[in-house]
Amino acid sequence: MFSRIKRRAWLAGLVIALGVLLVWLDPRGPQDQSVDPAAQAEEPGHVLENAEITLFGESGRIQQSLAAPLLVYIPQSTMAQATRPEATLFDSDNREWLANANEGELNTDTQELTLSGEARLIAPSEGWQLDTDLLRYDGLTRHAWSETPALLQQPPQRMSASRMDVWLDDSQVRLTDNVRGHHPPVTQTP
């Protein structure tokens, strides 16, 4: 009987030892892994629907605001990605400029805004609009530019170019490379 108990104890010990060995060798078991900073930098901190984000300058004045039906904010990279964004930009005289596109990305740290896909910049007080595929805007210098073909319209006039720059504070537009325009003659009414 003693040998029978000894054999059962030995078998129980062997089963326990094999179980411990399997747990120790199991690759699915708990492992210490460091967090990949690159992957973490792409994780959204906030996903907002029908949201608006407003950026202020050092003096406390509104520099720009961005409204979108879907806004994804990634705090590690200070980036806000927007679907169908509508931006309101303010120049040094506090005049409003409007911009919109299919997609947008705003760096809340540097106040750089990138609008892509049917991007449009409108100067309501001057009555012109600029259309391009990719529009970039530096909120600190209030300079917008596009290195893709652009169309500037102030009906009935229109001009196109391969590149354009707009300085909001000066209400100045510069079209560069392959500039073409349509300027109908002025008609006088009696």
C-alpha atoms as a PDB file:
ATOM      1  CA  MET A   1       0.000   0.000   0.000  1.00  0.00           C
ATOM      2  CA  PHE A   2       2.913   2.317   0.730  1.00  0.00           C
ATOM      3  CA  SER A   3       4.229   1.798  -2.815  1.00  0.00           C
ATOM      4  CA  ARG A   4       0.795   2.596  -4.199  1.00  0.00           C
ATOM      5  CA  ILE A   5       0.661   5.952  -2.336  1.00  0.00           C
ATOM      6  CA  LYS A   6       4.257   6.617  -3.344  1.00  0.00           C
ATOM      7  CA  ARG A   7       3.399   5.971  -7.009  1.00  0.00           C
ATOM      8  CA  ARG A   8       0.316   8.291  -6.844  1.00  0.00           C
ATOM      9  CA  ALA A   9       2.323  11.022  -5.161  1.00  0.00           C
ATOM     10  CA  TRP A  10       5.041  10.628  -7.781  1.00  0.00           C
ATOM     11  CA  LEU A  11       2.456  10.814 -10.631  1.00  0.00           C
ATOM     12  CA  ALA A  12       0.769  13.849  -9.032  1.00  0.00           C
ATOM     13  CA  GLY A  13       4.177  15.537  -8.672  1.00  0.00           C
ATOM     14  CA  LEU A  14       5.017  14.728 -12.290  1.00  0.00           C
ATOM     15  CA  VAL A  15       1.688  16.183 -13.524  1.00  0.00           C
ATOM     16  CA  ILE A  16       2.230  19.343 -11.451  1.00  0.00           C
ATOM     17  CA  ALA A  17       5.829  19.663 -12.704  1.00  0.00           C
ATOM     18  CA  LEU A  18       4.721  19.239 -16.319  1.00  0.00           C
ATOM     19  CA  GLY A  19       1.947  21.810 -15.800  1.00  0.00           C
ATOM     20  CA  VAL A  20       4.443  24.310 -14.357  1.00  0.00           C
ATOM     21  CA  LEU A  21       6.814  23.602 -17.259  1.00  0.00           C
ATOM     22  CA  LEU A  22       4.026  24.144 -19.821  1.00  0.00           C
ATOM     23  CA  VAL A  23       2.955  27.404 -18.196  1.00  0.00           C
ATOM     24  CA  TRP A  24       6.550  28.585 -18.198  1.00  0.00           C
ATOM     25  CA  LEU A  25       7.029  27.654 -21.880  1.00  0.00           C
ATOM     26  CA  ASP A  26       3.602  28.854 -23.081  1.00  0.00           C
ATOM     27  CA  PRO A  27       4.149  31.734 -25.556  1.00  0.00           C
ATOM     28  CA  ARG A  28       0.603  32.956 -24.933  1.00  0.00           C
ATOM     29  CA  GLY A  29       1.325  33.519 -21.278  1.00  0.00           C
ATOM     30  CA  PRO A  30       1.886  36.934 -19.742  1.00  0.00           C
ATOM     31  CA  GLN A  31       4.957  38.638 -21.165  1.00  0.00           C
ATOM     32  CA  ASP A  32       6.519  41.966 -20.387  1.00  0.00           C
ATOM     33  CA  GLN A  33       6.368  44.051 -23.547  1.00  0.00           C
ATOM     34  CA  SER A  34       7.309  47.664 -23.846  1.00  0.00           C
ATOM     35  CA  VAL A  35       4.818  50.045 -25.445  1.00  0.00           C
ATOM     36  CA  ASP A  36       5.738  51.037 -28.979  1.00  0.00           C
ATOM     37  CA  PRO A  37       5.867  54.869 -28.877  1.00  0.00           C
ATOM     38  CA  ALA A  38       5.255  55.126 -32.620  1.00  0.00           C
ATOM     39  CA  ALA A  39       2.064  53.090 -32.350  1.00  0.00           C
ATOM     40  CA  GLN A  40       0.964  54.955 -29.233  1.00  0.00           C
ATOM     41  CA  ALA A  41       1.474  58.284 -31.028  1.00  0.00           C
ATOM     42  CA  GLU A  42      -1.205  57.266 -33.533  1.00  0.00           C
ATOM     43  CA  GLU A  43      -3.837  56.330 -30.945  1.00  0.00           C
ATOM     44  CA  PRO A  44      -6.731  58.791 -30.795  1.00  0.00           C
ATOM     45  CA  GLY A  45      -7.321  60.505 -27.502  1.00  0.00           C
ATOM     46  CA  HIS A  46     -10.753  61.831 -28.481  1.00  0.00           C
ATOM     47  CA  VAL A  47     -13.206  61.023 -31.261  1.00  0.00           C
ATOM     48  CA  LEU A  48     -15.853  63.732 -31.444  1.00  0.00           C
ATOM     49  CA  GLU A  49     -18.950  64.102 -33.601  1.00  0.00           C
ATOM     50  CA  ASN A  50     -20.220  67.528 -34.649  1.00  0.00           C
ATOM     51  CA  ALA A  51     -17.304  69.214 -32.930  1.00  0.00           C
ATOM     52  CA  GLU A  52     -15.563  72.564 -33.143  1.00  0.00           C
ATOM     53  CA  ILE A  53     -12.031  73.351 -32.043  1.00  0.00           C
ATOM     54  CA  THR A  54     -10.869  76.952 -31.553  1.00  0.00           C
ATOM     55  CA  LEU A  55      -7.255  78.097 -31.393  1.00  0.00           C
ATOM     56  CA  PHE A  56      -6.252  81.325 -29.703  1.00  0.00           C
ATOM     57  CA  GLY A  57      -3.135  83.441 -30.250  1.00  0.00           C
ATOM     58  CA  GLU A  58      -0.764  84.738 -27.597  1.00  0.00           C
ATOM     59  CA  SER A  59      -2.867  87.891 -27.183  1.00  0.00           C
ATOM     60  CA  GLY A  60      -5.986  85.822 -26.499  1.00  0.00           C
ATOM     61  CA  ARG A  61      -7.639  86.603 -29.851  1.00  0.00           C
ATOM     62  CA  ILE A  62      -9.130  83.791 -31.898  1.00  0.00           C
ATOM     63  CA  GLN A  63      -6.699  82.743 -34.640  1.00  0.00           C
ATOM     64  CA  GLN A  64      -8.821  80.037 -36.253  1.00  0.00           C
ATOM     65  CA  SER A  65     -11.629  77.616 -35.575  1.00  0.00           C
ATOM     66  CA  LEU A  66     -12.384  74.297 -37.193  1.00  0.00           C
ATOM     67  CA  ALA A  67     -15.807  72.624 -37.219  1.00  0.00           C
ATOM     68  CA  ALA A  68     -16.387  69.111 -38.528  1.00  0.00           C
ATOM     69  CA  PRO A  69     -18.973  66.325 -38.362  1.00  0.00           C
ATOM     70  CA  LEU A  70     -16.148  63.985 -37.246  1.00  0.00           C
ATOM     71  CA  LEU A  71     -13.005  65.129 -35.419  1.00  0.00           C
ATOM     72  CA  VAL A  72     -10.322  62.694 -34.226  1.00  0.00           C
ATOM     73  CA  TYR A  73      -7.736  64.202 -31.875  1.00  0.00           C
ATOM     74  CA  ILE A  74      -4.384  62.477 -31.291  1.00  0.00           C
ATOM     75  CA  PRO A  75      -2.812  64.160 -28.230  1.00  0.00           C
ATOM     76  CA  GLN A  76       0.677  62.637 -28.551  1.00  0.00           C
ATOM     77  CA  SER A  77       1.185  64.311 -31.933  1.00  0.00           C
ATOM     78  CA  THR A  78      -1.149  67.291 -31.209  1.00  0.00           C
ATOM     79  CA  MET A  79      -3.003  66.498 -34.435  1.00  0.00           C
ATOM     80  CA  ALA A  80      -6.721  66.759 -35.099  1.00  0.00           C
ATOM     81  CA  GLN A  81      -8.007  64.933 -38.171  1.00  0.00           C
ATOM     82  CA  ALA A  82     -11.325  66.157 -39.521  1.00  0.00           C
ATOM     83  CA  THR A  83     -13.872  64.893 -42.012  1.00  0.00           C
ATOM     84  CA  ARG A  84     -15.515  67.629 -44.126  1.00  0.00           C
ATOM     85  CA  PRO A  85     -13.896  70.434 -42.104  1.00  0.00           C
ATOM     86  CA  GLU A  86     -15.107  74.016 -42.230  1.00  0.00           C
ATOM     87  CA  ALA A  87     -12.503  76.474 -40.965  1.00  0.00           C
ATOM     88  CA  THR A  88     -12.868  80.112 -40.038  1.00  0.00           C
ATOM     89  CA  LEU A  89      -9.551  81.958 -40.213  1.00  0.00           C
ATOM     90  CA  PHE A  90      -8.945  85.413 -38.773  1.00  0.00           C
ATOM     91  CA  ASP A  91      -6.398  87.942 -40.035  1.00  0.00           C
ATOM     92  CA  SER A  92      -4.715  90.688 -38.013  1.00  0.00           C
ATOM     93  CA  ASP A  93      -7.711  93.022 -38.590  1.00  0.00           C
ATOM     94  CA  ASN A  94     -10.050  90.282 -37.281  1.00  0.00           C
ATOM     95  CA  ARG A  95     -11.636  89.780 -40.740  1.00  0.00           C
ATOM     96  CA  GLU A  96     -13.048  86.308 -41.339  1.00  0.00           C
ATOM     97  CA  TRP A  97     -11.810  84.036 -44.100  1.00  0.00           C
ATOM     98  CA  LEU A  98     -13.571  80.733 -44.753  1.00  0.00           C
ATOM     99  CA  ALA A  99     -12.001  77.446 -45.826  1.00  0.00           C
ATOM    100  CA  ASN A 100     -13.385  73.950 -46.353  1.00  0.00           C
ATOM    101  CA  ALA A 101     -12.467  70.601 -47.914  1.00  0.00           C
ATOM    102  CA  ASN A 102     -13.253  66.889 -47.846  1.00  0.00           C
ATOM    103  CA  GLU A 103     -10.511  66.097 -45.295  1.00  0.00           C
ATOM    104  CA  GLY A 104      -8.430  68.188 -42.943  1.00  0.00           C
ATOM    105  CA  GLU A 105      -5.612  67.940 -40.455  1.00  0.00           C
ATOM    106  CA  LEU A 106      -4.848  70.569 -37.821  1.00  0.00           C
ATOM    107  CA  ASN A 107      -1.704  70.680 -35.713  1.00  0.00           C
ATOM    108  CA  THR A 108      -2.942  72.373 -32.544  1.00  0.00           C
ATOM    109  CA  ASP A 109       0.624  73.114 -31.428  1.00  0.00           C
ATOM    110  CA  THR A 110       1.890  74.922 -34.560  1.00  0.00           C
ATOM    111  CA  GLN A 111      -1.567  76.001 -35.823  1.00  0.00           C
ATOM    112  CA  GLU A 112      -0.850  74.503 -39.246  1.00  0.00           C
ATOM    113  CA  LEU A 113      -3.950  73.423 -41.142  1.00  0.00           C
ATOM    114  CA  THR A 114      -3.915  71.126 -44.176  1.00  0.00           C
ATOM    115  CA  LEU A 115      -7.074  70.795 -46.249  1.00  0.00           C
ATOM    116  CA  SER A 116      -7.295  68.179 -48.977  1.00  0.00           C
ATOM    117  CA  GLY A 117      -9.853  67.133 -51.557  1.00  0.00           C
ATOM    118  CA  GLU A 118     -11.769  69.998 -53.171  1.00  0.00           C
ATOM    119  CA  ALA A 119     -10.185  72.551 -50.830  1.00  0.00           C
ATOM    120  CA  ARG A 120     -11.624  76.061 -50.994  1.00  0.00           C
ATOM    121  CA  LEU A 121     -10.570  79.391 -49.469  1.00  0.00           C
ATOM    122  CA  ILE A 122     -13.117  82.209 -49.556  1.00  0.00           C
ATOM    123  CA  ALA A 123     -12.562  85.913 -48.866  1.00  0.00           C
ATOM    124  CA  PRO A 124     -16.123  87.106 -48.156  1.00  0.00           C
ATOM    125  CA  SER A 125     -15.207  90.799 -47.878  1.00  0.00           C
ATOM    126  CA  GLU A 126     -13.343  90.758 -51.229  1.00  0.00           C
ATOM    127  CA  GLY A 127     -15.812  88.449 -52.989  1.00  0.00           C
ATOM    128  CA  TRP A 128     -13.300  85.930 -54.324  1.00  0.00           C
ATOM    129  CA  GLN A 129     -12.709  82.239 -53.810  1.00  0.00           C
ATOM    130  CA  LEU A 130      -9.770  79.972 -54.459  1.00  0.00           C
ATOM    131  CA  ASP A 131     -10.190  76.277 -55.318  1.00  0.00           C
ATOM    132  CA  THR A 132      -7.403  73.684 -55.223  1.00  0.00           C
ATOM    133  CA  ASP A 133      -6.883  70.054 -54.298  1.00  0.00           C
ATOM    134  CA  LEU A 134      -4.452  70.627 -51.408  1.00  0.00           C
ATOM    135  CA  LEU A 135      -4.393  73.818 -49.343  1.00  0.00           C
ATOM    136  CA  ARG A 136      -1.973  74.479 -46.494  1.00  0.00           C
ATOM    137  CA  TYR A 137      -2.352  77.268 -43.939  1.00  0.00           C
ATOM    138  CA  ASP A 138       0.070  78.549 -41.289  1.00  0.00           C
ATOM    139  CA  GLY A 139      -2.082  80.101 -38.559  1.00  0.00           C
ATOM    140  CA  LEU A 140       0.839  81.925 -36.927  1.00  0.00           C
ATOM    141  CA  THR A 141       1.931  83.828 -40.074  1.00  0.00           C
ATOM    142  CA  ARG A 142      -1.583  83.768 -41.611  1.00  0.00           C
ATOM    143  CA  HIS A 143      -0.204  82.476 -44.922  1.00  0.00           C
ATOM    144  CA  ALA A 144      -2.090  79.998 -47.110  1.00  0.00           C
ATOM    145  CA  TRP A 145      -0.532  78.229 -50.076  1.00  0.00           C
ATOM    146  CA  SER A 146      -1.029  75.450 -52.550  1.00  0.00           C
ATOM    147  CA  GLU A 147       1.537  73.676 -54.670  1.00  0.00           C
ATOM    148  CA  THR A 148      -1.189  71.996 -56.716  1.00  0.00           C
ATOM    149  CA  PRO A 149      -3.133  73.677 -59.544  1.00  0.00           C
ATOM    150  CA  ALA A 150      -5.403  76.411 -58.239  1.00  0.00           C
ATOM    151  CA  LEU A 151      -8.335  78.391 -59.608  1.00  0.00           C
ATOM    152  CA  LEU A 152      -8.969  81.933 -58.361  1.00  0.00           C
ATOM    153  CA  GLN A 153     -12.433  83.333 -59.110  1.00  0.00           C
ATOM    154  CA  GLN A 154     -13.997  86.718 -58.606  1.00  0.00           C
ATOM    155  CA  PRO A 155     -16.950  86.587 -60.994  1.00  0.00           C
ATOM    156  CA  PRO A 156     -16.892  87.216 -63.866  1.00  0.00           C
ATOM    157  CA  GLN A 157     -13.081  86.940 -63.708  1.00  0.00           C
ATOM    158  CA  ARG A 158     -11.120  83.750 -63.141  1.00  0.00           C
ATOM    159  CA  MET A 159      -7.452  82.813 -63.171  1.00  0.00           C
ATOM    160  CA  SER A 160      -5.635  79.517 -62.824  1.00  0.00           C
ATOM    161  CA  ALA A 161      -2.030  78.679 -61.933  1.00  0.00           C
ATOM    162  CA  SER A 162       0.172  75.769 -60.896  1.00  0.00           C
ATOM    163  CA  ARG A 163       0.922  77.311 -57.499  1.00  0.00           C
ATOM    164  CA  MET A 164      -0.546  80.063 -55.354  1.00  0.00           C
ATOM    165  CA  ASP A 165       0.136  81.960 -52.124  1.00  0.00           C
ATOM    166  CA  VAL A 166      -2.293  84.060 -50.070  1.00  0.00           C
ATOM    167  CA  TRP A 167      -1.320  86.381 -47.221  1.00  0.00           C
ATOM    168  CA  LEU A 168      -4.441  87.108 -45.202  1.00  0.00           C
ATOM    169  CA  ASP A 169      -3.092  90.154 -43.341  1.00  0.00           C
ATOM    170  CA  ASP A 170      -2.273  91.942 -46.631  1.00  0.00           C
ATOM    171  CA  SER A 171      -5.195  90.542 -48.690  1.00  0.00           C
ATOM    172  CA  GLN A 172      -2.526  89.642 -51.233  1.00  0.00           C
ATOM    173  CA  VAL A 173      -2.659  86.702 -53.658  1.00  0.00           C
ATOM    174  CA  ARG A 174       0.248  85.514 -55.815  1.00  0.00           C
ATOM    175  CA  LEU A 175      -0.243  83.016 -58.636  1.00  0.00           C
ATOM    176  CA  THR A 176       2.880  81.305 -59.985  1.00  0.00           C
ATOM    177  CA  ASP A 177       3.703  79.100 -62.987  1.00  0.00           C
ATOM    178  CA  ASN A 178       1.414  78.553 -65.948  1.00  0.00           C
ATOM    179  CA  VAL A 179      -0.879  81.450 -65.016  1.00  0.00           C
ATOM    180  CA  ARG A 180      -3.922  81.821 -67.263  1.00  0.00           C
ATOM    181  CA  GLY A 181      -6.863  84.117 -66.877  1.00  0.00           C
ATOM    182  CA  HIS A 182     -10.238  85.129 -68.238  1.00  0.00           C
ATOM    183  CA  HIS A 183     -11.058  88.808 -67.762  1.00  0.00           C
ATOM    184  CA  PRO A 184     -14.155  89.878 -69.706  1.00  0.00           C
ATOM    185  CA  PRO A 185     -14.285  93.495 -70.749  1.00  0.00           C
ATOM    186  CA  VAL A 186     -16.151  95.901 -68.547  1.00  0.00           C
ATOM    187  CA  THR A 187     -19.559  96.718 -69.955  1.00  0.00           C
ATOM    188  CA  GLN A 188     -21.052 100.084 -69.332  1.00  0.00           C
ATOM    189  CA  THR A 189     -24.760 100.409 -68.744  1.00  0.00           C
ATOM    190  CA  PRO A 190     -26.472 103.503 -70.112  1.00  0.00           C
END
